[in-house]
Amino acid sequence: MTTTTDSSQKHEHHHTQEAQTYIRVAIDNLQSIHTMLTDQKPCADVVRNLSGVLVSLIECRSIVAQDHITSCIRSALKPGQEEVLNDVTQLFQQLLKGPLQGSHH
């Protein structure tokens, strides 16, 4: 699900390049995995590479979420509400670093 927000408020995202790097790595690895599957490479190698893609995406998600907290949410807060950021930051970190669960089929 995607949501849109008012983009008229400008603020800086500090880790965009780092997030883009993780995305580029994931894309490159996915292209490599596609070739591996086409070439019928060993399943264990494919799974290892897929795990690397997942790690890249999880790291990217964490970076973007942290930027959202420190940039987007901070710019929307009213004076005196800054202490809320610590609680939100801790919650996001716990949720984003939690176990990745996939299907079991």
Protein backbone atom coordinates (compact mmCIF):
# COMPACT_ATOMS: atom_id res chain seq x y z
CA MET A 1 0.00 0.00 0.00
CA THR A 2 1.34 3.41 -0.89
CA THR A 3 0.34 6.72 0.55
CA THR A 4 1.02 10.19 -0.65
CA THR A 5 1.97 13.12 1.48
CA ASP A 6 2.17 16.83 0.94
CA SER A 7 5.47 17.34 -0.88
CA SER A 8 5.40 21.11 -0.44
CA GLN A 9 7.41 20.79 2.80
CA LYS A 10 11.05 20.43 1.83
CA HIS A 11 13.48 18.58 4.04
CA GLU A 12 16.72 16.73 3.52
CA HIS A 13 17.21 12.97 3.46
CA HIS A 14 20.74 12.31 4.67
CA HIS A 15 21.24 8.73 3.50
CA THR A 16 19.71 8.65 0.01
CA GLN A 17 22.97 7.67 -1.69
CA GLU A 18 23.51 4.82 0.76
CA ALA A 19 19.98 3.54 0.14
CA GLN A 20 20.52 3.79 -3.62
CA THR A 21 23.71 1.76 -3.29
CA TYR A 22 21.83 -1.05 -1.54
CA ILE A 23 19.20 -0.98 -4.30
CA ARG A 24 21.86 -1.13 -7.02
CA VAL A 25 23.51 -4.09 -5.29
CA ALA A 26 20.15 -5.87 -5.00
CA ILE A 27 19.33 -5.25 -8.68
CA ASP A 28 22.76 -6.47 -9.82
CA ASN A 29 22.42 -9.58 -7.65
CA LEU A 30 18.92 -10.27 -8.96
CA GLN A 31 20.19 -10.09 -12.53
CA SER A 32 22.96 -12.49 -11.59
CA ILE A 33 20.44 -14.84 -9.96
CA HIS A 34 18.29 -14.75 -13.09
CA THR A 35 21.31 -15.89 -15.09
CA MET A 36 22.12 -18.54 -12.51
CA LEU A 37 18.61 -19.95 -12.78
CA THR A 38 18.74 -19.89 -16.59
CA ASP A 39 22.09 -21.68 -16.49
CA GLN A 40 20.74 -24.16 -13.91
CA LYS A 41 23.40 -23.37 -11.31
CA PRO A 42 23.26 -25.27 -7.99
CA CYS A 43 20.22 -24.43 -5.87
CA ALA A 44 22.37 -23.74 -2.79
CA ASP A 45 24.25 -21.03 -4.71
CA VAL A 46 20.99 -19.45 -5.87
CA VAL A 47 19.58 -19.46 -2.34
CA ARG A 48 22.78 -17.89 -0.98
CA ASN A 49 22.55 -15.10 -3.53
CA LEU A 50 18.85 -14.59 -2.85
CA SER A 51 19.70 -14.21 0.83
CA GLY A 52 22.15 -11.48 -0.10
CA VAL A 53 19.42 -9.63 -2.02
CA LEU A 54 17.12 -9.84 0.99
CA VAL A 55 19.83 -8.44 3.28
CA SER A 56 20.40 -5.54 0.87
CA LEU A 57 16.69 -4.76 0.76
CA ILE A 58 16.33 -4.98 4.54
CA GLU A 59 19.27 -2.60 5.01
CA CYS A 60 17.80 -0.20 2.46
CA ARG A 61 14.42 -0.32 4.19
CA SER A 62 16.08 0.45 7.51
CA ILE A 63 17.98 3.41 6.07
CA VAL A 64 14.89 4.90 4.43
CA ALA A 65 12.81 4.41 7.58
CA GLN A 66 15.49 6.05 9.72
CA ASP A 67 15.69 8.97 7.29
CA HIS A 68 11.91 9.23 7.48
CA ILE A 69 12.09 9.54 11.24
CA THR A 70 14.97 12.00 11.34
CA SER A 71 13.81 14.14 8.42
CA CYS A 72 10.15 13.74 7.52
CA ILE A 73 8.70 13.21 10.99
CA ARG A 74 11.01 15.72 12.66
CA SER A 75 9.97 18.43 10.18
CA ALA A 76 6.30 17.71 10.94
CA LEU A 77 6.64 17.92 14.72
CA LYS A 78 5.50 20.91 16.69
CA PRO A 79 7.81 22.45 19.30
CA GLY A 80 7.95 20.30 22.42
CA GLN A 81 7.21 17.02 20.62
CA GLU A 82 10.83 16.07 19.90
CA GLU A 83 10.95 13.44 22.66
CA VAL A 84 8.53 11.33 20.63
CA LEU A 85 11.30 10.71 18.09
CA ASN A 86 13.32 8.59 20.52
CA ASP A 87 10.39 6.23 21.10
CA VAL A 88 9.57 6.04 17.39
CA THR A 89 13.22 5.47 16.49
CA GLN A 90 13.56 2.59 18.96
CA LEU A 91 10.31 1.03 17.74
CA PHE A 92 11.34 1.27 14.08
CA GLN A 93 14.75 -0.23 14.83
CA GLN A 94 13.17 -3.20 16.60
CA LEU A 95 10.62 -3.78 13.86
CA LEU A 96 13.02 -3.35 10.97
CA LYS A 97 15.72 -5.58 12.42
CA GLY A 98 13.27 -8.34 13.33
CA PRO A 99 13.32 -11.76 11.71
CA LEU A 100 12.50 -12.03 8.06
CA GLN A 101 9.87 -14.66 7.53
CA GLY A 102 9.12 -16.28 4.21
CA SER A 103 6.70 -18.89 3.02
CA HIS A 104 7.22 -22.51 3.94
CA HIS A 105 6.32 -24.38 0.76
